[in-house]
PDB file of N, CA and C in Angstrom:
ATOM      1  N   MET A   1    -131.285  41.067  19.495  1.00  0.00           N
ATOM      2  CA  MET A   1    -130.052  41.277  19.811  1.00  0.00           C
ATOM      3  C   MET A   1    -129.786  40.106  20.855  1.00  0.00           C
ATOM      4  N   ALA A   2    -128.631  39.411  20.693  1.00  0.00           N
ATOM      5  CA  ALA A   2    -128.330  38.327  21.600  1.00  0.00           C
ATOM      6  C   ALA A   2    -127.810  38.884  22.916  1.00  0.00           C
ATOM      7  N   ARG A   3    -128.186  38.113  23.957  1.00  0.00           N
ATOM      8  CA  ARG A   3    -127.773  38.453  25.270  1.00  0.00           C
ATOM      9  C   ARG A   3    -126.687  37.530  25.739  1.00  0.00           C
ATOM     10  N   ASN A   4    -125.418  37.790  25.476  1.00  0.00           N
ATOM     11  CA  ASN A   4    -124.379  36.903  25.934  1.00  0.00           C
ATOM     12  C   ASN A   4    -123.481  37.547  27.044  1.00  0.00           C
ATOM     13  N   GLY A   5    -123.978  38.657  27.536  1.00  0.00           N
ATOM     14  CA  GLY A   5    -123.232  39.388  28.571  1.00  0.00           C
ATOM     15  C   GLY A   5    -122.268  40.354  28.070  1.00  0.00           C
ATOM     16  N   ALA A   6    -121.955  40.271  26.813  1.00  0.00           N
ATOM     17  CA  ALA A   6    -120.891  41.210  26.408  1.00  0.00           C
ATOM     18  C   ALA A   6    -121.497  42.734  26.253  1.00  0.00           C
ATOM     19  N   PHE A   7    -122.725  42.867  26.184  1.00  0.00           N
ATOM     20  CA  PHE A   7    -123.273  44.190  26.107  1.00  0.00           C
ATOM     21  C   PHE A   7    -123.976  44.680  27.361  1.00  0.00           C
ATOM     22  N   GLY A   8    -124.009  43.881  28.521  1.00  0.00           N
ATOM     23  CA  GLY A   8    -124.495  44.264  29.710  1.00  0.00           C
ATOM     24  C   GLY A   8    -126.049  44.095  29.716  1.00  0.00           C
ATOM     25  N   HIS A   9    -126.594  44.419  30.796  1.00  0.00           N
ATOM     26  CA  HIS A   9    -128.145  44.298  30.854  1.00  0.00           C
ATOM     27  C   HIS A   9    -128.701  45.689  30.602  1.00  0.00           C
ATOM     28  N   PRO A  10    -129.663  45.713  29.636  1.00  0.00           N
ATOM     29  CA  PRO A  10    -130.341  46.915  29.397  1.00  0.00           C
ATOM     30  C   PRO A  10    -131.151  47.506  30.506  1.00  0.00           C
ATOM     31  N   ASP A  11    -131.179  48.842  30.684  1.00  0.00           N
ATOM     32  CA  ASP A  11    -131.962  49.430  31.751  1.00  0.00           C
ATOM     33  C   ASP A  11    -133.400  49.788  31.071  1.00  0.00           C
ATOM     34  N   GLU A  12    -134.281  50.577  31.766  1.00  0.00           N
ATOM     35  CA  GLU A  12    -135.581  50.815  31.362  1.00  0.00           C
ATOM     36  C   GLU A  12    -135.618  51.543  29.952  1.00  0.00           C
ATOM     37  N   ALA A  13    -134.660  52.431  29.731  1.00  0.00           N
ATOM     38  CA  ALA A  13    -134.531  53.091  28.479  1.00  0.00           C
ATOM     39  C   ALA A  13    -134.108  52.110  27.264  1.00  0.00           C
ATOM     40  N   GLY A  14    -133.689  51.043  27.612  1.00  0.00           N
ATOM     41  CA  GLY A  14    -133.255  50.068  26.586  1.00  0.00           C
ATOM     42  C   GLY A  14    -131.845  50.227  26.202  1.00  0.00           C
ATOM     43  N   THR A  15    -131.160  50.995  26.940  1.00  0.00           N
ATOM     44  CA  THR A  15    -129.573  51.120  26.622  1.00  0.00           C
ATOM     45  C   THR A  15    -128.867  50.279  27.613  1.00  0.00           C
ATOM     46  N   PRO A  16    -127.806  49.697  27.318  1.00  0.00           N
ATOM     47  CA  PRO A  16    -126.909  48.932  28.224  1.00  0.00           C
ATOM     48  C   PRO A  16    -126.357  49.807  29.416  1.00  0.00           C
ATOM     49  N   ASP A  17    -126.471  49.177  30.508  1.00  0.00           N
ATOM     50  CA  ASP A  17    -126.006  49.896  31.748  1.00  0.00           C
ATOM     51  C   ASP A  17    -124.395  49.844  31.885  1.00  0.00           C
ATOM     52  N   ASN A  18    -123.754  48.924  31.181  1.00  0.00           N
ATOM     53  CA  ASN A  18    -122.404  48.691  31.347  1.00  0.00           C
ATOM     54  C   ASN A  18    -121.857  49.100  29.840  1.00  0.00           C
ATOM     55  N   PRO A  19    -120.762  49.978  29.829  1.00  0.00           N
ATOM     56  CA  PRO A  19    -120.175  50.212  28.505  1.00  0.00           C
ATOM     57  C   PRO A  19    -119.455  48.977  27.935  1.00  0.00           C
ATOM     58  N   VAL A  20    -119.426  48.850  26.668  1.00  0.00           N
ATOM     59  CA  VAL A  20    -118.793  47.771  25.950  1.00  0.00           C
ATOM     60  C   VAL A  20    -117.311  48.124  25.897  1.00  0.00           C
ATOM     61  N   LEU A  21    -116.556  47.029  26.319  1.00  0.00           N
ATOM     62  CA  LEU A  21    -115.067  47.138  26.392  1.00  0.00           C
ATOM     63  C   LEU A  21    -114.594  46.594  25.054  1.00  0.00           C
ATOM     64  N   ILE A  22    -113.946  47.506  24.267  1.00  0.00           N
ATOM     65  CA  ILE A  22    -113.403  47.084  23.006  1.00  0.00           C
ATOM     66  C   ILE A  22    -111.832  46.864  23.222  1.00  0.00           C
ATOM     67  N   THR A  23    -111.326  45.656  23.273  1.00  0.00           N
ATOM     68  CA  THR A  23    -109.915  45.468  23.712  1.00  0.00           C
ATOM     69  C   THR A  23    -109.029  45.659  22.645  1.00  0.00           C
ATOM     70  N   GLU A  24    -109.414  45.716  21.378  1.00  0.00           N
ATOM     71  CA  GLU A  24    -108.476  45.791  20.311  1.00  0.00           C
ATOM     72  C   GLU A  24    -108.315  47.282  19.903  1.00  0.00           C
ATOM     73  N   ALA A  25    -109.012  48.266  20.531  1.00  0.00           N
ATOM     74  CA  ALA A  25    -108.909  49.570  20.153  1.00  0.00           C
ATOM     75  C   ALA A  25    -107.579  50.208  20.695  1.00  0.00           C
ATOM     76  N   GLN A  26    -107.004  51.002  19.870  1.00  0.00           N
ATOM     77  CA  GLN A  26    -105.743  51.718  20.259  1.00  0.00           C
ATOM     78  C   GLN A  26    -105.985  52.770  21.323  1.00  0.00           C
ATOM     79  N   LEU A  27    -104.987  53.212  22.014  1.00  0.00           N
ATOM     80  CA  LEU A  27    -105.081  54.249  22.788  1.00  0.00           C
ATOM     81  C   LEU A  27    -105.373  55.488  22.211  1.00  0.00           C
ATOM     82  N   SER A  28    -106.110  56.452  22.763  1.00  0.00           N
ATOM     83  CA  SER A  28    -106.437  57.740  22.083  1.00  0.00           C
ATOM     84  C   SER A  28    -105.172  58.600  21.927  1.00  0.00           C
ATOM     85  N   ILE A  29    -105.214  59.529  21.103  1.00  0.00           N
ATOM     86  CA  ILE A  29    -104.027  60.361  20.918  1.00  0.00           C
ATOM     87  C   ILE A  29    -103.683  61.198  22.216  1.00  0.00           C
ATOM     88  N   ASP A  30    -104.670  61.573  23.000  1.00  0.00           N
ATOM     89  CA  ASP A  30    -104.388  62.232  24.298  1.00  0.00           C
ATOM     90  C   ASP A  30    -103.654  61.269  25.232  1.00  0.00           C
ATOM     91  N   GLU A  31    -104.146  59.977  25.368  1.00  0.00           N
ATOM     92  CA  GLU A  31    -103.442  59.005  26.143  1.00  0.00           C
ATOM     93  C   GLU A  31    -102.061  58.692  25.621  1.00  0.00           C
ATOM     94  N   GLN A  32    -101.785  58.610  24.433  1.00  0.00           N
ATOM     95  CA  GLN A  32    -100.508  58.371  23.880  1.00  0.00           C
ATOM     96  C   GLN A  32     -99.573  59.526  24.165  1.00  0.00           C
ATOM     97  N   HIS A  33    -100.089  60.739  24.160  1.00  0.00           N
ATOM     98  CA  HIS A  33     -99.231  61.906  24.397  1.00  0.00           C
ATOM     99  C   HIS A  33     -98.868  61.922  25.853  1.00  0.00           C
ATOM    100  N   LYS A  34     -99.850  61.658  26.745  1.00  0.00           N
ATOM    101  CA  LYS A  34     -99.505  61.598  28.225  1.00  0.00           C
ATOM    102  C   LYS A  34     -98.545  60.603  28.489  1.00  0.00           C
ATOM    103  N   ALA A  35     -98.601  59.431  27.807  1.00  0.00           N
ATOM    104  CA  ALA A  35     -97.596  58.374  28.074  1.00  0.00           C
ATOM    105  C   ALA A  35     -96.241  58.806  27.648  1.00  0.00           C
ATOM    106  N   ARG A  36     -96.093  59.511  26.397  1.00  0.00           N
ATOM    107  CA  ARG A  36     -94.859  60.001  25.890  1.00  0.00           C
ATOM    108  C   ARG A  36     -94.209  61.072  26.845  1.00  0.00           C
ATOM    109  N   VAL A  37     -95.099  61.976  27.302  1.00  0.00           N
ATOM    110  CA  VAL A  37     -94.690  63.057  28.265  1.00  0.00           C
ATOM    111  C   VAL A  37     -94.167  62.375  29.456  1.00  0.00           C
ATOM    112  N   ARG A  38     -94.798  61.424  30.074  1.00  0.00           N
ATOM    113  CA  ARG A  38     -94.461  60.642  31.217  1.00  0.00           C
ATOM    114  C   ARG A  38     -92.931  60.045  31.051  1.00  0.00           C
ATOM    115  N   LYS A  39     -92.862  59.475  29.914  1.00  0.00           N
ATOM    116  CA  LYS A  39     -91.516  58.792  29.570  1.00  0.00           C
ATOM    117  C   LYS A  39     -90.444  59.821  29.539  1.00  0.00           C
ATOM    118  N   TYR A  40     -90.667  60.946  28.889  1.00  0.00           N
ATOM    119  CA  TYR A  40     -89.719  62.045  28.733  1.00  0.00           C
ATOM    120  C   TYR A  40     -89.325  62.505  30.120  1.00  0.00           C
ATOM    121  N   MET A  41     -90.320  62.830  30.986  1.00  0.00           N
ATOM    122  CA  MET A  41     -90.131  63.440  32.199  1.00  0.00           C
ATOM    123  C   MET A  41     -89.377  62.435  33.213  1.00  0.00           C
ATOM    124  N   THR A  42     -89.616  61.211  33.008  1.00  0.00           N
ATOM    125  CA  THR A  42     -88.936  60.171  33.836  1.00  0.00           C
ATOM    126  C   THR A  42     -87.468  60.128  33.449  1.00  0.00           C
ATOM    127  N   ILE A  43     -87.080  60.174  32.230  1.00  0.00           N
ATOM    128  CA  ILE A  43     -85.774  60.111  31.818  1.00  0.00           C
ATOM    129  C   ILE A  43     -84.968  61.346  32.236  1.00  0.00           C
ATOM    130  N   MET A  44     -85.723  62.484  31.969  1.00  0.00           N
ATOM    131  CA  MET A  44     -85.118  63.852  32.336  1.00  0.00           C
ATOM    132  C   MET A  44     -84.975  64.116  33.764  1.00  0.00           C
ATOM    133  N   ALA A  45     -85.697  63.304  34.568  1.00  0.00           N
ATOM    134  CA  ALA A  45     -85.661  63.477  36.076  1.00  0.00           C
ATOM    135  C   ALA A  45     -84.283  63.078  36.575  1.00  0.00           C
ATOM    136  N   PHE A  46     -83.538  62.198  35.821  1.00  0.00           N
ATOM    137  CA  PHE A  46     -82.215  61.773  36.226  1.00  0.00           C
ATOM    138  C   PHE A  46     -81.135  62.786  36.038  1.00  0.00           C
ATOM    139  N   ARG A  47     -81.402  63.880  35.270  1.00  0.00           N
ATOM    140  CA  ARG A  47     -80.318  64.856  35.045  1.00  0.00           C
ATOM    141  C   ARG A  47     -79.950  65.557  36.277  1.00  0.00           C
ATOM    142  N   PHE A  48     -80.852  66.137  36.900  1.00  0.00           N
ATOM    143  CA  PHE A  48     -80.569  66.977  38.110  1.00  0.00           C
ATOM    144  C   PHE A  48     -79.974  66.181  39.231  1.00  0.00           C
ATOM    145  N   PRO A  49     -80.397  64.975  39.547  1.00  0.00           N
ATOM    146  CA  PRO A  49     -79.754  64.152  40.541  1.00  0.00           C
ATOM    147  C   PRO A  49     -78.331  63.699  40.154  1.00  0.00           C
ATOM    148  N   ALA A  50     -78.118  63.675  38.775  1.00  0.00           N
ATOM    149  CA  ALA A  50     -76.720  63.307  38.351  1.00  0.00           C
ATOM    150  C   ALA A  50     -75.748  64.388  38.688  1.00  0.00           C
ATOM    151  N   LEU A  51     -76.267  65.683  38.474  1.00  0.00           N
ATOM    152  CA  LEU A  51     -75.335  66.800  38.885  1.00  0.00           C
ATOM    153  C   LEU A  51     -75.037  66.910  40.334  1.00  0.00           C
ATOM    154  N   ILE A  52     -76.050  66.718  41.109  1.00  0.00           N
ATOM    155  CA  ILE A  52     -75.888  66.563  42.529  1.00  0.00           C
ATOM    156  C   ILE A  52     -74.894  65.538  42.874  1.00  0.00           C
ATOM    157  N   LEU A  53     -75.136  64.247  42.379  1.00  0.00           N
ATOM    158  CA  LEU A  53     -74.220  63.130  42.568  1.00  0.00           C
ATOM    159  C   LEU A  53     -72.809  63.412  42.196  1.00  0.00           C
ATOM    160  N   ALA A  54     -72.614  64.178  41.109  1.00  0.00           N
ATOM    161  CA  ALA A  54     -71.317  64.583  40.629  1.00  0.00           C
ATOM    162  C   ALA A  54     -70.572  65.438  41.613  1.00  0.00           C
ATOM    163  N   ALA A  55     -71.431  66.493  42.114  1.00  0.00           N
ATOM    164  CA  ALA A  55     -70.824  67.389  43.097  1.00  0.00           C
ATOM    165  C   ALA A  55     -70.461  66.633  44.478  1.00  0.00           C
ATOM    166  N   ILE A  56     -71.307  65.737  44.818  1.00  0.00           N
ATOM    167  CA  ILE A  56     -71.024  64.810  46.069  1.00  0.00           C
ATOM    168  C   ILE A  56     -69.897  63.924  45.830  1.00  0.00           C
ATOM    169  N   ALA A  57     -69.779  63.319  44.595  1.00  0.00           N
ATOM    170  CA  ALA A  57     -68.523  62.594  44.388  1.00  0.00           C
ATOM    171  C   ALA A  57     -67.203  63.369  44.303  1.00  0.00           C
ATOM    172  N   TYR A  58     -67.309  64.583  43.776  1.00  0.00           N
ATOM    173  CA  TYR A  58     -66.173  65.473  43.784  1.00  0.00           C
ATOM    174  C   TYR A  58     -65.806  65.881  45.249  1.00  0.00           C
ATOM    175  N   GLY A  59     -66.748  66.070  46.139  1.00  0.00           N
ATOM    176  CA  GLY A  59     -66.433  66.332  47.471  1.00  0.00           C
ATOM    177  C   GLY A  59     -65.867  65.268  48.270  1.00  0.00           C
ATOM    178  N   ILE A  60     -66.425  64.045  48.020  1.00  0.00           N
ATOM    179  CA  ILE A  60     -65.878  62.929  48.817  1.00  0.00           C
ATOM    180  C   ILE A  60     -64.619  62.461  48.294  1.00  0.00           C
ATOM    181  N   TRP A  61     -64.353  62.188  47.047  1.00  0.00           N
ATOM    182  CA  TRP A  61     -63.083  61.596  46.555  1.00  0.00           C
ATOM    183  C   TRP A  61     -62.186  62.646  46.062  1.00  0.00           C
ATOM    184  N   GLU A  62     -62.565  63.875  45.895  1.00  0.00           N
ATOM    185  CA  GLU A  62     -61.815  64.975  45.471  1.00  0.00           C
ATOM    186  C   GLU A  62     -60.993  64.533  44.023  1.00  0.00           C
ATOM    187  N   ASN A  63     -61.820  63.777  43.325  1.00  0.00           N
ATOM    188  CA  ASN A  63     -61.317  63.347  42.082  1.00  0.00           C
ATOM    189  C   ASN A  63     -62.311  63.875  40.962  1.00  0.00           C
ATOM    190  N   GLY A  64     -61.774  64.591  40.046  1.00  0.00           N
ATOM    191  CA  GLY A  64     -62.628  65.098  38.945  1.00  0.00           C
ATOM    192  C   GLY A  64     -63.145  64.100  38.031  1.00  0.00           C
ATOM    193  N   TRP A  65     -62.354  63.003  37.857  1.00  0.00           N
ATOM    194  CA  TRP A  65     -62.714  61.973  36.850  1.00  0.00           C
ATOM    195  C   TRP A  65     -64.088  61.278  37.092  1.00  0.00           C
ATOM    196  N   VAL A  66     -64.383  61.081  38.392  1.00  0.00           N
ATOM    197  CA  VAL A  66     -65.630  60.466  38.659  1.00  0.00           C
ATOM    198  C   VAL A  66     -66.740  61.389  38.443  1.00  0.00           C
ATOM    199  N   SER A  67     -66.627  62.625  38.827  1.00  0.00           N
ATOM    200  CA  SER A  67     -67.576  63.618  38.597  1.00  0.00           C
ATOM    201  C   SER A  67     -67.861  63.825  37.039  1.00  0.00           C
ATOM    202  N   MET A  68     -66.648  63.903  36.314  1.00  0.00           N
ATOM    203  CA  MET A  68     -66.851  64.106  34.928  1.00  0.00           C
ATOM    204  C   MET A  68     -67.448  62.861  34.199  1.00  0.00           C
ATOM    205  N   LEU A  69     -67.213  61.744  34.712  1.00  0.00           N
ATOM    206  CA  LEU A  69     -67.927  60.542  34.168  1.00  0.00           C
ATOM    207  C   LEU A  69     -69.463  60.620  34.455  1.00  0.00           C
ATOM    208  N   ILE A  70     -69.796  60.995  35.535  1.00  0.00           N
ATOM    209  CA  ILE A  70     -71.251  61.168  35.871  1.00  0.00           C
ATOM    210  C   ILE A  70     -71.887  62.220  35.011  1.00  0.00           C
ATOM    211  N   ILE A  71     -71.220  63.306  34.932  1.00  0.00           N
ATOM    212  CA  ILE A  71     -71.717  64.383  34.027  1.00  0.00           C
ATOM    213  C   ILE A  71     -71.714  64.039  32.614  1.00  0.00           C
ATOM    214  N   GLY A  72     -70.727  63.324  32.134  1.00  0.00           N
ATOM    215  CA  GLY A  72     -70.668  62.826  30.793  1.00  0.00           C
ATOM    216  C   GLY A  72     -71.800  61.833  30.503  1.00  0.00           C
ATOM    217  N   ALA A  73     -72.108  61.045  31.512  1.00  0.00           N
ATOM    218  CA  ALA A  73     -73.263  60.072  31.268  1.00  0.00           C
ATOM    219  C   ALA A  73     -74.644  60.787  31.136  1.00  0.00           C
ATOM    220  N   SER A  74     -74.668  61.953  31.839  1.00  0.00           N
ATOM    221  CA  SER A  74     -76.072  62.751  31.780  1.00  0.00           C
ATOM    222  C   SER A  74     -76.125  63.585  30.604  1.00  0.00           C
ATOM    223  N   ILE A  75     -75.063  63.917  29.786  1.00  0.00           N
ATOM    224  CA  ILE A  75     -75.128  64.720  28.729  1.00  0.00           C
ATOM    225  C   ILE A  75     -76.024  64.262  27.652  1.00  0.00           C
ATOM    226  N   PRO A  76     -76.057  62.885  27.194  1.00  0.00           N
ATOM    227  CA  PRO A  76     -76.985  62.424  26.109  1.00  0.00           C
ATOM    228  C   PRO A  76     -78.377  62.115  26.661  1.00  0.00           C
ATOM    229  N   LEU A  77     -78.808  62.359  27.783  1.00  0.00           N
ATOM    230  CA  LEU A  77     -80.135  61.965  28.388  1.00  0.00           C
ATOM    231  C   LEU A  77     -81.109  62.817  27.688  1.00  0.00           C
ATOM    232  N   PRO A  78     -81.007  64.146  27.317  1.00  0.00           N
ATOM    233  CA  PRO A  78     -82.181  64.848  26.540  1.00  0.00           C
ATOM    234  C   PRO A  78     -82.335  64.169  25.173  1.00  0.00           C
ATOM    235  N   TRP A  79     -81.238  63.863  24.494  1.00  0.00           N
ATOM    236  CA  TRP A  79     -81.367  63.184  23.229  1.00  0.00           C
ATOM    237  C   TRP A  79     -82.127  61.945  23.283  1.00  0.00           C
ATOM    238  N   ILE A  80     -81.694  61.126  24.303  1.00  0.00           N
ATOM    239  CA  ILE A  80     -82.304  59.770  24.408  1.00  0.00           C
ATOM    240  C   ILE A  80     -83.775  59.981  24.824  1.00  0.00           C
ATOM    241  N   ALA A  81     -84.089  60.843  25.763  1.00  0.00           N
ATOM    242  CA  ALA A  81     -85.493  61.162  26.172  1.00  0.00           C
ATOM    243  C   ALA A  81     -86.320  61.536  24.915  1.00  0.00           C
ATOM    244  N   VAL A  82     -85.833  62.439  24.105  1.00  0.00           N
ATOM    245  CA  VAL A  82     -86.600  62.797  22.919  1.00  0.00           C
ATOM    246  C   VAL A  82     -86.894  61.682  22.011  1.00  0.00           C
ATOM    247  N   LEU A  83     -85.845  60.901  21.744  1.00  0.00           N
ATOM    248  CA  LEU A  83     -86.008  59.760  20.790  1.00  0.00           C
ATOM    249  C   LEU A  83     -87.123  58.786  21.326  1.00  0.00           C
ATOM    250  N   ILE A  84     -86.978  58.523  22.687  1.00  0.00           N
ATOM    251  CA  ILE A  84     -87.862  57.454  23.296  1.00  0.00           C
ATOM    252  C   ILE A  84     -89.297  58.070  23.320  1.00  0.00           C
ATOM    253  N   ALA A  85     -89.406  59.267  23.672  1.00  0.00           N
ATOM    254  CA  ALA A  85     -90.740  59.894  23.828  1.00  0.00           C
ATOM    255  C   ALA A  85     -91.389  60.150  22.520  1.00  0.00           C
ATOM    256  N   ASN A  86     -90.696  60.314  21.377  1.00  0.00           N
ATOM    257  CA  ASN A  86     -91.311  60.500  20.153  1.00  0.00           C
ATOM    258  C   ASN A  86     -91.507  59.251  19.293  1.00  0.00           C
ATOM    259  N   ASP A  87     -91.162  58.060  19.975  1.00  0.00           N
ATOM    260  CA  ASP A  87     -91.482  56.776  19.246  1.00  0.00           C
ATOM    261  C   ASP A  87     -92.740  56.426  19.240  1.00  0.00           C
ATOM    262  N   ARG A  88     -93.366  55.849  18.248  1.00  0.00           N
ATOM    263  CA  ARG A  88     -94.717  55.447  18.087  1.00  0.00           C
ATOM    264  C   ARG A  88     -94.868  54.076  18.875  1.00  0.00           C
ATOM    265  N   PRO A  89     -96.173  53.870  19.264  1.00  0.00           N
ATOM    266  CA  PRO A  89     -96.420  52.590  19.999  1.00  0.00           C
ATOM    267  C   PRO A  89     -96.113  51.394  19.022  1.00  0.00           C
ATOM    268  N   PRO A  90     -95.689  50.257  19.590  1.00  0.00           N
ATOM    269  CA  PRO A  90     -95.293  49.282  18.682  1.00  0.00           C
ATOM    270  C   PRO A  90     -96.491  48.697  17.829  1.00  0.00           C
ATOM    271  N   ARG A  91     -96.142  48.230  16.690  1.00  0.00           N
ATOM    272  CA  ARG A  91     -97.121  47.804  15.689  1.00  0.00           C
ATOM    273  C   ARG A  91     -97.638  46.517  16.209  1.00  0.00           C
ATOM    274  N   THR A  92     -98.964  46.297  15.930  1.00  0.00           N
ATOM    275  CA  THR A  92     -99.646  45.062  16.166  1.00  0.00           C
ATOM    276  C   THR A  92     -99.662  44.121  14.987  1.00  0.00           C
ATOM    277  N   LYS A  93    -100.021  42.898  15.214  1.00  0.00           N
ATOM    278  CA  LYS A  93     -99.995  41.984  14.140  1.00  0.00           C
ATOM    279  C   LYS A  93    -101.175  42.346  13.113  1.00  0.00           C
ATOM    280  N   ASP A  94    -102.169  42.968  13.543  1.00  0.00           N
ATOM    281  CA  ASP A  94    -103.288  43.333  12.850  1.00  0.00           C
ATOM    282  C   ASP A  94    -103.145  44.574  11.837  1.00  0.00           C
ATOM    283  N   GLU A  95    -102.069  45.263  12.108  1.00  0.00           N
ATOM    284  CA  GLU A  95    -101.786  46.510  11.285  1.00  0.00           C
ATOM    285  C   GLU A  95    -101.412  46.107   9.933  1.00  0.00           C
ATOM    286  N   PRO A  96    -102.030  46.761   8.871  1.00  0.00           N
ATOM    287  CA  PRO A  96    -101.572  46.321   7.503  1.00  0.00           C
ATOM    288  C   PRO A  96    -100.106  46.750   7.213  1.00  0.00           C
ATOM    289  N   SER A  97     -99.465  45.935   6.525  1.00  0.00           N
ATOM    290  CA  SER A  97     -98.060  46.222   6.053  1.00  0.00           C
ATOM    291  C   SER A  97     -98.142  47.095   4.902  1.00  0.00           C
ATOM    292  N   ARG A  98     -97.169  48.023   4.753  1.00  0.00           N
ATOM    293  CA  ARG A  98     -97.157  48.929   3.578  1.00  0.00           C
ATOM    294  C   ARG A  98     -96.497  48.125   2.480  1.00  0.00           C
ATOM    295  N   TYR A  99     -95.826  47.139   2.584  1.00  0.00           N
ATOM    296  CA  TYR A  99     -95.281  46.339   1.516  1.00  0.00           C
ATOM    297  C   TYR A  99     -96.420  45.547   0.799  1.00  0.00           C
ATOM    298  N   ASP A 100     -96.486  45.700  -0.565  1.00  0.00           N
ATOM    299  CA  ASP A 100     -97.575  45.042  -1.199  1.00  0.00           C
ATOM    300  C   ASP A 100     -97.056  43.814  -1.967  1.00  0.00           C
ATOM    301  N   GLY A 101     -95.823  43.446  -1.876  1.00  0.00           N
ATOM    302  CA  GLY A 101     -95.385  42.153  -2.422  1.00  0.00           C
ATOM    303  C   GLY A 101     -95.031  42.251  -3.806  1.00  0.00           C
ATOM    304  N   ARG A 102     -95.246  43.310  -4.495  1.00  0.00           N
ATOM    305  CA  ARG A 102     -94.823  43.353  -5.984  1.00  0.00           C
ATOM    306  C   ARG A 102     -93.349  43.457  -6.067  1.00  0.00           C
ATOM    307  N   ARG A 103     -92.798  42.754  -7.116  1.00  0.00           N
ATOM    308  CA  ARG A 103     -91.337  42.876  -7.425  1.00  0.00           C
ATOM    309  C   ARG A 103     -91.148  44.189  -8.147  1.00  0.00           C
ATOM    310  N   ARG A 104     -89.887  44.662  -7.985  1.00  0.00           N
ATOM    311  CA  ARG A 104     -89.505  45.790  -8.750  1.00  0.00           C
ATOM    312  C   ARG A 104     -89.536  45.492 -10.231  1.00  0.00           C
ATOM    313  N   GLY A 105     -90.175  46.321 -10.985  1.00  0.00           N
ATOM    314  CA  GLY A 105     -90.145  46.184 -12.418  1.00  0.00           C
ATOM    315  C   GLY A 105     -91.239  45.283 -12.905  1.00  0.00           C
ATOM    316  N   ALA A 106     -92.114  44.671 -12.067  1.00  0.00           N
ATOM    317  CA  ALA A 106     -93.158  43.778 -12.449  1.00  0.00           C
ATOM    318  C   ALA A 106     -94.274  44.608 -13.254  1.00  0.00           C
ATOM    319  N   GLY A 107     -94.487  45.845 -12.875  1.00  0.00           N
ATOM    320  CA  GLY A 107     -95.564  46.603 -13.476  1.00  0.00           C
ATOM    321  C   GLY A 107     -95.096  47.512 -14.617  1.00  0.00           C
ATOM    322  N   GLU A 108     -93.864  47.408 -14.940  1.00  0.00           N
ATOM    323  CA  GLU A 108     -93.318  48.239 -16.003  1.00  0.00           C
ATOM    324  C   GLU A 108     -93.714  47.812 -17.336  1.00  0.00           C
ATOM    325  N   ILE A 109     -93.722  48.627 -18.385  1.00  0.00           N
ATOM    326  CA  ILE A 109     -94.035  48.353 -19.746  1.00  0.00           C
ATOM    327  C   ILE A 109     -92.743  47.662 -20.342  1.00  0.00           C
ATOM    328  N   GLU A 110     -93.032  46.492 -21.025  1.00  0.00           N
ATOM    329  CA  GLU A 110     -91.943  45.918 -21.602  1.00  0.00           C
ATOM    330  C   GLU A 110     -91.518  46.546 -22.910  1.00  0.00           C
ATOM    331  N   SER A 111     -90.289  46.669 -23.113  1.00  0.00           N
ATOM    332  CA  SER A 111     -89.769  47.275 -24.318  1.00  0.00           C
ATOM    333  C   SER A 111     -89.816  46.326 -25.553  1.00  0.00           C
ATOM    334  N   SER A 112     -90.260  46.808 -26.629  1.00  0.00           N
ATOM    335  CA  SER A 112     -90.318  45.903 -27.775  1.00  0.00           C
ATOM    336  C   SER A 112     -89.291  46.484 -28.825  1.00  0.00           C
ATOM    337  N   PRO A 113     -88.918  45.711 -29.761  1.00  0.00           N
ATOM    338  CA  PRO A 113     -87.980  46.210 -30.785  1.00  0.00           C
ATOM    339  C   PRO A 113     -88.703  47.284 -31.609  1.00  0.00           C
ATOM    340  N   HIS A 114     -88.028  48.390 -31.879  1.00  0.00           N
ATOM    341  CA  HIS A 114     -88.626  49.471 -32.703  1.00  0.00           C
ATOM    342  C   HIS A 114     -87.846  49.709 -33.908  1.00  0.00           C
ATOM    343  N   HIS A 115     -88.392  50.270 -34.809  1.00  0.00           N
ATOM    344  CA  HIS A 115     -87.764  50.633 -36.169  1.00  0.00           C
ATOM    345  C   HIS A 115     -86.967  51.964 -36.120  1.00  0.00           C
ATOM    346  N   ILE A 116     -85.873  51.846 -36.612  1.00  0.00           N
ATOM    347  CA  ILE A 116     -85.014  53.083 -36.718  1.00  0.00           C
ATOM    348  C   ILE A 116     -84.912  53.503 -38.162  1.00  0.00           C
ATOM    349  N   ILE A 117     -85.403  54.795 -38.400  1.00  0.00           N
ATOM    350  CA  ILE A 117     -85.519  55.352 -39.581  1.00  0.00           C
ATOM    351  C   ILE A 117     -84.154  56.204 -39.827  1.00  0.00           C
ATOM    352  N   GLU A 118     -83.486  55.780 -40.907  1.00  0.00           N
ATOM    353  CA  GLU A 118     -82.218  56.482 -41.283  1.00  0.00           C
ATOM    354  C   GLU A 118     -82.605  57.295 -42.523  1.00  0.00           C
ATOM    355  N   SER A 119     -82.027  58.564 -42.594  1.00  0.00           N
ATOM    356  CA  SER A 119     -82.384  59.302 -43.735  1.00  0.00           C
ATOM    357  C   SER A 119     -81.176  59.507 -44.569  1.00  0.00           C
TER     358      SER A 119
END
């Protein structure tokens, strides 16, 4: 086995003392889930302060339009949070494409002239 520093120095048992870092490996499912939950919670954390801000704006300006605008902006936040949290990680260049390049109809059986029997 070549010793180029990528595998670390082996200890007395012959196993490397440093784990190998695989940089191209994707995040585990648990780590992806934690990241999605974090995104969801961050976006949803703006809803409650928006309600408080709307109440403060109504108390200061005594104008319902500003408060309604703030509340209206917070209404689509759950929908946006779910869409962003359920999105998959971006594709890498190494991921295979599902498109195989065949044209439509290229694999179909060609029709040939057939005989019509009239009785």
